[in-house]
N, C-alpha and C. Protein backbone atom coordinates (compact mmCIF):
# COMPACT_ATOMS: atom_id res chain seq x y z
N MET A 1 59.98 193.55 94.15
CA MET A 1 58.57 193.92 93.96
C MET A 1 58.43 195.42 93.04
N ILE A 2 58.36 195.88 92.05
CA ILE A 2 58.35 197.12 91.57
C ILE A 2 56.78 197.75 91.75
N LYS A 3 56.45 198.64 92.52
CA LYS A 3 55.19 199.34 92.47
C LYS A 3 55.29 200.72 91.94
N ARG A 4 54.06 200.77 91.36
CA ARG A 4 53.14 202.36 90.86
C ARG A 4 52.64 202.77 92.39
N LYS A 5 52.53 204.61 92.04
CA LYS A 5 51.67 204.66 92.83
C LYS A 5 50.55 205.02 92.69
N SER A 6 50.11 205.17 91.35
CA SER A 6 49.36 205.39 90.74
C SER A 6 49.20 204.63 89.31
N ARG A 7 47.82 204.51 88.66
CA ARG A 7 47.74 203.67 87.48
C ARG A 7 48.22 204.56 86.34
N THR A 8 48.30 206.05 86.53
CA THR A 8 48.77 206.63 85.82
C THR A 8 50.45 207.04 85.68
N GLU A 9 50.99 206.90 86.78
CA GLU A 9 52.68 206.80 86.81
C GLU A 9 53.31 206.10 85.98
N ARG A 10 54.34 206.88 85.09
CA ARG A 10 54.97 206.11 84.14
C ARG A 10 55.84 204.66 85.23
N LEU A 11 55.86 203.60 84.88
CA LEU A 11 56.52 202.63 85.11
C LEU A 11 58.29 202.48 84.71
N THR A 12 58.92 202.66 85.57
CA THR A 12 60.55 202.73 85.25
C THR A 12 61.01 201.14 85.98
N ILE A 13 61.61 200.26 85.12
CA ILE A 13 62.53 199.43 85.65
C ILE A 13 64.05 199.25 85.52
N PRO A 14 64.70 199.56 86.36
CA PRO A 14 65.82 199.73 86.17
C PRO A 14 66.78 198.40 85.55
N ALA A 15 66.97 198.84 84.36
CA ALA A 15 67.60 197.75 83.42
C ALA A 15 68.70 198.37 82.48
N LEU A 16 69.04 197.12 81.56
CA LEU A 16 69.94 197.33 80.42
C LEU A 16 68.57 198.05 79.63
N SER A 17 68.81 199.11 79.05
CA SER A 17 67.94 199.73 77.62
C SER A 17 68.35 199.09 76.19
N LEU A 18 67.55 199.14 75.47
CA LEU A 18 68.23 198.78 73.80
C LEU A 18 69.24 199.99 73.63
N TYR A 19 68.82 201.46 73.93
CA TYR A 19 69.01 202.35 73.61
C TYR A 19 70.67 202.43 74.48
N ASP A 20 70.90 201.41 75.22
CA ASP A 20 72.48 201.59 75.38
C ASP A 20 73.56 201.28 74.80
N ASP A 21 73.07 200.29 74.08
CA ASP A 21 74.15 199.64 72.81
C ASP A 21 73.25 199.76 71.46
N PRO A 22 72.55 200.75 70.88
CA PRO A 22 71.60 200.17 69.77
C PRO A 22 72.60 199.63 68.33
N SER A 23 71.51 198.43 67.96
CA SER A 23 72.22 197.80 66.68
C SER A 23 71.96 199.00 65.67
N PRO A 24 72.42 198.42 64.59
CA PRO A 24 72.14 199.42 62.93
C PRO A 24 70.58 199.08 62.61
N ILE A 25 70.06 198.35 63.19
CA ILE A 25 68.92 198.04 62.67
C ILE A 25 67.81 199.48 63.33
N TRP A 26 68.40 199.24 64.89
CA TRP A 26 67.61 200.11 65.82
C TRP A 26 67.75 201.32 65.39
N THR A 27 68.97 202.21 65.48
CA THR A 27 69.10 203.23 65.05
C THR A 27 68.44 203.51 63.83
N ASP A 28 68.40 203.01 62.43
CA ASP A 28 67.83 203.19 61.78
C ASP A 28 66.38 203.62 61.84
N ILE A 29 65.59 202.74 62.80
CA ILE A 29 64.27 202.86 63.09
C ILE A 29 64.38 204.14 64.12
N THR A 30 65.00 204.36 64.78
CA THR A 30 64.90 205.85 65.66
C THR A 30 65.59 206.82 65.13
N GLU A 31 65.94 206.65 64.11
CA GLU A 31 66.30 208.09 63.17
C GLU A 31 65.25 208.54 61.95
N GLY A 32 64.29 207.45 61.93
CA GLY A 32 62.99 207.65 61.16
C GLY A 32 63.37 206.73 60.19
N LYS A 33 64.53 206.31 59.63
CA LYS A 33 64.82 205.39 58.20
C LYS A 33 64.31 204.45 58.60
N LEU A 34 63.45 203.53 57.77
CA LEU A 34 62.78 201.90 57.73
C LEU A 34 63.96 201.15 57.29
N PRO A 35 64.39 200.05 57.73
CA PRO A 35 64.90 199.03 57.13
C PRO A 35 64.68 198.97 56.09
N LEU A 36 65.32 198.67 55.13
CA LEU A 36 65.05 198.29 53.52
C LEU A 36 64.18 196.79 53.55
N ALA A 37 64.21 196.11 54.62
CA ALA A 37 63.54 195.05 54.28
C ALA A 37 62.19 194.84 54.76
N MET A 38 61.61 196.38 54.74
CA MET A 38 60.47 196.59 55.50
C MET A 38 59.29 195.90 54.65
N THR A 39 59.72 195.32 53.45
CA THR A 39 58.73 195.32 52.33
C THR A 39 59.04 194.01 51.77
N LEU A 40 57.71 193.32 51.67
CA LEU A 40 58.00 192.07 50.72
C LEU A 40 58.97 191.40 49.87
N GLU A 41 59.14 192.65 48.77
CA GLU A 41 59.66 192.06 47.74
C GLU A 41 61.25 192.41 47.78
N THR A 42 61.96 192.65 48.80
CA THR A 42 62.99 193.50 48.62
C THR A 42 64.15 191.89 48.77
N ASP A 43 63.94 191.12 49.01
CA ASP A 43 64.65 189.76 49.06
C ASP A 43 64.34 189.07 47.56
N THR A 44 64.79 188.95 46.55
CA THR A 44 64.67 188.14 45.64
C THR A 44 65.38 187.17 45.17
N ARG A 45 66.08 186.56 46.08
CA ARG A 45 66.89 185.31 45.68
C ARG A 45 65.72 184.23 45.41
N PRO A 46 66.39 183.56 44.56
CA PRO A 46 65.33 182.10 44.66
C PRO A 46 65.47 180.80 45.79
N PRO A 47 64.49 180.41 46.15
CA PRO A 47 64.35 179.65 47.28
C PRO A 47 65.51 178.35 46.54
N PRO A 48 65.66 177.13 47.66
CA PRO A 48 66.25 176.26 47.17
C PRO A 48 65.56 175.25 46.34
N ASP A 49 65.51 174.35 45.53
CA ASP A 49 65.27 173.40 44.75
C ASP A 49 63.51 172.92 45.41
N ALA A 50 62.93 173.22 44.38
CA ALA A 50 61.73 172.39 45.06
C ALA A 50 60.88 173.11 45.80
N PHE A 51 61.33 174.23 46.32
CA PHE A 51 60.92 175.40 46.89
C PHE A 51 59.76 176.18 46.29
N VAL A 52 58.17 176.53 46.71
CA VAL A 52 57.53 177.53 45.58
C VAL A 52 57.35 178.46 46.70
N ARG A 53 56.92 179.33 46.48
CA ARG A 53 56.38 180.37 47.05
C ARG A 53 54.78 180.14 47.34
N SER A 54 54.96 180.25 49.04
CA SER A 54 53.25 179.91 49.26
C SER A 54 52.18 181.11 49.00
N LEU A 55 51.11 181.28 48.24
CA LEU A 55 50.55 182.33 48.09
C LEU A 55 48.92 182.18 48.82
N HIS A 56 48.70 180.89 49.37
CA HIS A 56 47.73 180.96 50.01
C HIS A 56 47.68 180.90 51.58
N ARG A 57 47.65 181.81 52.05
CA ARG A 57 48.35 182.42 53.65
C ARG A 57 47.49 183.58 53.90
N GLY A 58 47.29 183.47 55.04
CA GLY A 58 46.38 184.68 55.78
C GLY A 58 47.15 185.63 55.75
N PRO A 59 47.02 187.42 56.00
CA PRO A 59 47.32 188.53 55.88
C PRO A 59 48.60 188.11 56.70
N PHE A 60 48.44 188.11 58.22
CA PHE A 60 49.93 188.00 58.94
C PHE A 60 50.85 187.33 58.30
N SER A 61 50.70 186.02 58.08
CA SER A 61 51.55 185.33 57.38
C SER A 61 52.24 186.12 55.97
N LEU A 62 51.10 186.41 55.41
CA LEU A 62 52.09 187.10 54.02
C LEU A 62 53.02 188.44 54.20
N HIS A 63 52.45 189.10 55.40
CA HIS A 63 53.09 189.85 56.06
C HIS A 63 54.57 189.56 56.26
N ASN A 64 54.49 188.52 57.08
CA ASN A 64 56.00 188.11 57.68
C ASN A 64 56.63 187.15 56.66
N GLY A 65 56.15 186.87 55.56
CA GLY A 65 56.99 186.37 54.26
C GLY A 65 57.96 187.02 53.76
N PRO A 66 58.59 186.38 52.44
CA PRO A 66 57.57 185.77 51.97
C PRO A 66 58.25 184.24 52.27
N VAL A 67 56.99 183.29 52.44
CA VAL A 67 57.17 181.75 53.04
C VAL A 67 57.12 181.13 51.73
N PHE A 68 58.10 180.22 51.86
CA PHE A 68 57.80 179.10 50.65
C PHE A 68 57.63 177.75 51.08
N HIS A 69 57.08 176.79 50.19
CA HIS A 69 57.04 175.43 50.71
C HIS A 69 57.27 174.33 49.67
N LYS A 70 57.41 173.23 50.15
CA LYS A 70 57.43 172.15 49.20
C LYS A 70 56.84 170.92 49.75
N ILE A 71 56.61 169.62 49.10
CA ILE A 71 55.76 169.27 49.44
C ILE A 71 56.31 167.47 48.61
N ASP A 72 56.47 166.64 49.50
CA ASP A 72 56.76 165.11 48.82
C ASP A 72 56.21 164.34 49.59
N GLY A 73 54.60 164.05 48.97
CA GLY A 73 53.90 162.98 49.26
C GLY A 73 53.18 163.55 50.42
N ASP A 74 53.81 162.10 51.51
CA ASP A 74 52.63 162.90 52.74
C ASP A 74 53.44 164.04 53.60
N ARG A 75 54.75 164.37 53.23
CA ARG A 75 55.99 165.30 54.11
C ARG A 75 55.44 166.73 53.38
N PHE A 76 55.71 167.43 54.30
CA PHE A 76 55.85 168.96 53.61
C PHE A 76 56.55 169.58 54.49
N TRP A 77 57.48 171.12 53.51
CA TRP A 77 58.33 171.49 54.52
C TRP A 77 57.92 173.47 54.36
N HIS A 78 58.59 174.07 55.18
CA HIS A 78 57.80 175.40 54.74
C HIS A 78 60.08 176.37 55.35
N GLY A 79 59.87 177.53 54.38
CA GLY A 79 61.07 177.86 54.40
C GLY A 79 60.91 179.33 54.03
N LEU A 80 61.78 180.16 54.61
CA LEU A 80 62.08 181.37 54.71
C LEU A 80 63.49 182.16 54.57
N PHE A 81 63.85 183.21 53.90
CA PHE A 81 65.11 183.58 54.05
C PHE A 81 64.88 184.92 55.21
N ILE A 82 65.98 184.68 56.25
CA ILE A 82 65.63 185.54 57.20
C ILE A 82 66.20 187.38 56.95
N THR A 83 65.41 188.05 57.08
CA THR A 83 65.44 189.62 56.94
C THR A 83 65.65 190.17 57.72
N GLU A 84 65.72 191.34 57.70
CA GLU A 84 66.04 192.48 59.28
C GLU A 84 64.39 192.29 59.53
N ARG A 85 63.54 192.57 58.54
CA ARG A 85 62.01 192.53 59.36
C ARG A 85 62.31 191.36 60.22
N HIS A 86 62.75 190.33 60.20
CA HIS A 86 62.45 189.10 61.30
C HIS A 86 63.32 189.32 62.26
N SER A 87 63.97 190.19 62.15
CA SER A 87 65.33 190.55 63.44
C SER A 87 64.73 191.26 64.71
N ASN A 88 65.48 190.35 65.77
CA ASN A 88 65.21 191.45 66.88
C ASN A 88 66.48 192.32 66.67
N SER A 89 66.82 193.26 67.68
CA SER A 89 67.81 194.34 67.97
C SER A 89 69.16 193.78 67.54
N ARG A 90 69.14 192.47 67.85
CA ARG A 90 70.81 192.08 67.55
C ARG A 90 71.24 191.67 66.50
N GLY A 91 70.06 191.62 65.78
CA GLY A 91 70.13 191.18 64.41
C GLY A 91 69.97 189.58 64.13
N ARG A 92 69.49 188.75 65.17
CA ARG A 92 69.37 187.48 65.22
C ARG A 92 67.56 187.33 64.77
N LEU A 93 67.26 185.81 64.37
CA LEU A 93 65.75 185.99 64.06
C LEU A 93 65.35 186.20 65.40
N HIS A 94 64.00 186.96 65.26
CA HIS A 94 63.08 187.04 66.62
C HIS A 94 62.48 186.08 67.15
N GLY A 95 62.41 185.73 68.34
CA GLY A 95 61.58 184.57 69.23
C GLY A 95 60.13 184.88 68.55
N GLY A 96 59.56 185.97 68.35
CA GLY A 96 58.36 186.18 68.07
C GLY A 96 58.01 185.65 66.51
N MET A 97 58.95 185.58 65.78
CA MET A 97 58.76 185.23 64.42
C MET A 97 59.37 183.64 64.65
N MET A 98 60.14 183.27 65.20
CA MET A 98 60.66 181.25 65.24
C MET A 98 58.77 180.99 65.75
N THR A 99 57.95 181.72 66.57
CA THR A 99 57.12 181.08 66.73
C THR A 99 55.79 181.37 66.18
N ALA A 100 55.75 182.53 65.52
CA ALA A 100 54.66 182.37 64.19
C ALA A 100 55.18 181.65 62.94
N PHE A 101 56.12 181.34 62.89
CA PHE A 101 56.32 180.29 61.63
C PHE A 101 56.33 178.87 62.16
N ALA A 102 56.57 178.47 63.86
CA ALA A 102 55.98 177.28 63.98
C ALA A 102 54.64 177.14 63.86
N ASP A 103 53.90 178.26 64.19
CA ASP A 103 52.60 178.22 64.22
C ASP A 103 52.01 177.56 62.87
N GLY A 104 52.70 178.59 61.94
CA GLY A 104 52.35 177.96 60.36
C GLY A 104 52.69 176.78 60.28
N LEU A 105 53.91 176.20 60.96
CA LEU A 105 53.98 174.94 60.77
C LEU A 105 53.22 173.59 61.36
N LEU A 106 52.76 174.16 62.67
CA LEU A 106 51.92 173.34 63.04
C LEU A 106 50.27 172.97 62.39
N ALA A 107 49.91 174.41 61.94
CA ALA A 107 48.68 174.35 61.35
C ALA A 107 48.69 174.02 60.12
N THR A 108 49.68 173.40 59.50
CA THR A 108 50.06 172.95 58.14
C THR A 108 49.54 171.54 58.13
N ALA A 109 50.39 170.89 59.19
CA ALA A 109 50.58 169.77 59.52
C ALA A 109 48.93 169.37 60.06
N VAL A 110 48.12 169.82 60.78
CA VAL A 110 47.16 169.68 61.11
C VAL A 110 45.77 169.71 59.85
N ALA A 111 46.28 170.54 58.64
CA ALA A 111 45.12 171.16 58.07
C ALA A 111 45.37 169.56 56.65
N ARG A 112 46.61 169.41 56.67
CA ARG A 112 46.92 168.07 55.81
C ARG A 112 46.83 167.15 56.30
N ALA A 113 46.74 166.72 57.69
CA ALA A 113 46.10 165.50 58.27
C ALA A 113 44.55 165.26 58.37
N ASN A 114 43.85 166.40 58.10
CA ASN A 114 41.89 166.54 58.54
C ASN A 114 41.36 167.00 57.67
N THR A 115 40.13 166.97 57.68
CA THR A 115 39.12 167.75 56.43
C THR A 115 38.67 169.24 57.56
N ALA A 116 38.42 168.99 58.90
CA ALA A 116 38.11 169.57 59.32
C ALA A 116 39.35 171.17 59.83
N MET A 117 38.36 172.00 59.58
CA MET A 117 39.31 173.41 59.89
C MET A 117 39.62 173.47 61.87
N ALA A 118 40.63 173.75 62.01
CA ALA A 118 41.01 173.93 63.38
C ALA A 118 41.70 175.31 63.80
N VAL A 119 41.90 175.09 65.17
CA VAL A 119 42.51 176.83 65.43
C VAL A 119 43.62 176.54 66.59
N THR A 120 44.66 177.19 66.79
CA THR A 120 45.56 176.72 67.74
C THR A 120 45.11 177.29 68.98
N VAL A 121 45.32 176.14 69.99
CA VAL A 121 44.87 176.83 71.49
C VAL A 121 45.91 176.33 72.48
N ASN A 122 47.19 175.86 72.22
CA ASN A 122 48.20 175.74 72.80
C ASN A 122 49.52 175.77 71.86
N LEU A 123 50.27 176.40 71.96
CA LEU A 123 51.43 175.90 71.50
C LEU A 123 53.12 176.49 72.04
N ASN A 124 53.61 175.57 72.34
CA ASN A 124 55.06 175.63 72.97
C ASN A 124 56.09 175.93 71.91
N CYS A 125 57.05 176.52 72.46
CA CYS A 125 58.06 176.46 71.26
C CYS A 125 59.62 176.77 72.02
N ASN A 126 60.49 175.45 71.77
CA ASN A 126 61.43 175.73 72.39
C ASN A 126 62.75 176.25 71.50
N ILE A 127 63.04 177.54 72.25
CA ILE A 127 63.90 177.83 71.21
C ILE A 127 65.52 177.33 71.35
N CYS A 128 66.12 176.50 70.38
CA CYS A 128 67.46 175.82 70.82
C CYS A 128 68.72 176.71 70.38
N ALA A 129 68.47 177.43 69.43
CA ALA A 129 69.71 178.24 68.59
C ALA A 129 69.20 179.47 68.20
N ALA A 130 70.61 180.70 67.70
CA ALA A 130 70.24 181.70 67.14
C ALA A 130 69.80 181.41 65.65
N ALA A 131 69.44 182.24 64.80
CA ALA A 131 69.87 182.01 63.72
C ALA A 131 69.76 183.80 63.02
N ASP A 132 70.80 183.93 61.72
CA ASP A 132 71.09 185.13 61.56
C ASP A 132 70.31 185.29 60.25
N ILE A 133 70.52 187.03 60.10
CA ILE A 133 70.00 187.56 58.88
C ILE A 133 70.49 187.33 57.73
N GLY A 134 69.84 186.81 56.47
CA GLY A 134 70.33 186.26 55.66
C GLY A 134 70.49 184.65 55.22
N ASP A 135 70.23 183.82 56.60
CA ASP A 135 69.76 182.03 56.89
C ASP A 135 69.03 181.93 56.16
N TRP A 136 68.72 180.80 55.81
CA TRP A 136 67.64 180.48 55.21
C TRP A 136 67.06 179.14 56.45
N LEU A 137 65.60 179.72 56.45
CA LEU A 137 65.63 178.65 58.02
C LEU A 137 64.17 177.79 57.17
N GLU A 138 64.41 176.57 57.50
CA GLU A 138 63.42 175.46 56.77
C GLU A 138 62.60 175.02 58.05
N GLY A 139 61.56 174.00 58.07
CA GLY A 139 60.94 173.56 58.88
C GLY A 139 59.98 172.35 58.35
N THR A 140 59.59 171.32 59.17
CA THR A 140 58.60 170.44 59.44
C THR A 140 57.67 170.24 60.36
N ALA A 141 56.58 169.96 60.05
CA ALA A 141 55.75 169.48 61.20
C ALA A 141 54.90 168.12 61.02
N ARG A 142 54.66 167.43 61.96
CA ARG A 142 53.52 165.91 62.05
C ARG A 142 52.43 166.07 62.83
N GLN A 143 51.62 165.55 62.83
CA GLN A 143 50.54 165.31 63.60
C GLN A 143 50.57 164.39 64.11
N THR A 144 50.99 164.01 65.34
CA THR A 144 51.15 162.92 66.40
C THR A 144 50.15 162.16 66.61
N SER A 145 48.81 162.80 66.98
CA SER A 145 47.58 162.00 67.32
C SER A 145 46.24 163.08 67.18
N ALA A 146 44.88 162.76 67.34
CA ALA A 146 44.00 163.10 67.24
C ALA A 146 42.79 162.60 68.19
N ALA A 147 42.08 163.52 69.03
CA ALA A 147 41.05 162.80 70.09
C ALA A 147 39.98 163.70 70.33
N ASP A 148 39.07 163.46 70.68
CA ASP A 148 38.20 164.44 71.56
C ASP A 148 38.17 165.67 71.16
N GLY A 149 38.26 166.03 69.41
CA GLY A 149 38.14 167.42 69.03
C GLY A 149 39.25 167.91 68.95
N PHE A 150 40.53 167.19 69.40
CA PHE A 150 41.85 168.22 69.29
C PHE A 150 42.78 167.38 68.36
N ALA A 151 43.59 168.02 68.01
CA ALA A 151 44.70 167.70 67.23
C ALA A 151 46.32 168.13 68.25
N PHE A 152 46.59 166.92 68.15
CA PHE A 152 48.23 167.33 68.54
C PHE A 152 49.71 167.30 67.65
N VAL A 153 50.10 168.15 67.74
CA VAL A 153 51.16 168.13 66.50
C VAL A 153 52.52 168.36 67.32
N GLU A 154 54.01 167.95 66.24
CA GLU A 154 55.01 168.65 66.75
C GLU A 154 55.86 169.24 65.59
N ALA A 155 56.71 169.93 65.93
CA ALA A 155 57.38 170.61 64.52
C ALA A 155 59.06 170.98 64.88
N GLU A 156 59.58 171.21 63.91
CA GLU A 156 60.85 171.29 63.97
C GLU A 156 61.67 172.22 63.19
N ALA A 157 62.33 173.38 63.36
CA ALA A 157 63.02 174.10 62.41
C ALA A 157 64.37 174.02 62.40
N TRP A 158 64.80 174.57 61.12
CA TRP A 158 66.82 174.53 61.58
C TRP A 158 67.28 175.32 60.18
N VAL A 159 68.71 175.72 60.27
CA VAL A 159 69.47 176.41 59.51
C VAL A 159 70.56 175.61 59.09
N GLY A 160 70.58 174.94 57.88
CA GLY A 160 71.56 173.89 57.51
C GLY A 160 71.48 172.95 58.52
N GLU A 161 72.28 172.72 59.33
CA GLU A 161 72.20 171.41 59.96
C GLU A 161 71.65 171.56 61.35
N LYS A 162 71.80 172.99 61.47
CA LYS A 162 71.40 173.22 63.26
C LYS A 162 70.15 173.44 64.06
N ILE A 163 69.37 172.97 64.59
CA ILE A 163 68.22 172.79 65.01
C ILE A 163 67.82 174.51 65.40
N ILE A 164 67.24 175.02 65.17
CA ILE A 164 66.87 176.48 65.59
C ILE A 164 65.96 176.38 66.61
N PHE A 165 64.64 175.80 66.56
CA PHE A 165 63.38 175.62 67.59
C PHE A 165 62.88 173.76 67.42
N ASN A 166 62.32 173.86 68.29
CA ASN A 166 61.30 172.88 68.17
C ASN A 166 59.88 173.42 68.65
N ALA A 167 58.94 172.83 68.12
CA ALA A 167 57.77 173.07 68.85
C ALA A 167 56.38 172.32 68.99
N THR A 168 55.77 171.70 69.84
CA THR A 168 54.43 171.27 69.98
C THR A 168 52.98 172.21 70.06
N GLY A 169 52.01 171.80 69.63
CA GLY A 169 51.01 172.42 69.89
C GLY A 169 49.68 171.43 70.23
N VAL A 170 48.56 172.19 70.02
CA VAL A 170 47.28 171.37 70.14
C VAL A 170 46.50 172.36 69.71
N PHE A 171 45.63 171.92 68.66
CA PHE A 171 44.77 172.55 67.89
C PHE A 171 43.29 172.21 68.18
N ARG A 172 42.18 172.96 68.30
CA ARG A 172 40.95 172.64 68.69
C ARG A 172 40.12 172.14 67.03
N PHE A 173 39.30 171.65 66.77
CA PHE A 173 38.65 171.16 65.68
C PHE A 173 37.58 171.99 65.74
N LEU A 174 37.08 173.25 64.30
CA LEU A 174 35.71 173.90 64.94
C LEU A 174 34.73 173.21 63.86
N GLU A 175 33.70 173.19 64.66
CA GLU A 175 32.33 172.70 63.89
C GLU A 175 32.11 173.83 62.64
N LYS A 176 31.20 173.05 62.01
CA LYS A 176 31.12 173.83 60.42
C LYS A 176 29.64 175.07 60.72
N ARG A 177 29.76 176.04 60.13
CA ARG A 177 28.81 176.75 60.42
C ARG A 177 27.58 176.49 59.33
């Protein structure tokens, strides 16, 4: 167990640091150069067929995009091109971005299955594989049940045929104000 002498003492943990083997992305950031992909409009590739840009998203989701979607009857899909903005220090899709993408999938499934607004109260994301900058990440979700003011949902996302993550969530329905 690592202990501090006081609350103001800096805590140092002996471990490998990101500084030991900096990736090009980390070097750009530490040298004051922001990666090109820090703006939303740097990736102008068209999405796969039937996908359109999702414009009705909250500020957090808009910042993490651009996210695209497609709908076919009762089914829907979200997708995005992985850019530097979505990556970790090794140039792979960041786990936090996977979780944010999963939350968007799960929330969309709840919204499409219900008329009431709902918020995430629990989210579990199982990371199964890595995804790289430039990959097209695509996913879908479905509500499995709803009871006692809660909705239960599951999602999965993939690159090509490779499952990147699967997720489950619980959403609480909100009372109308």
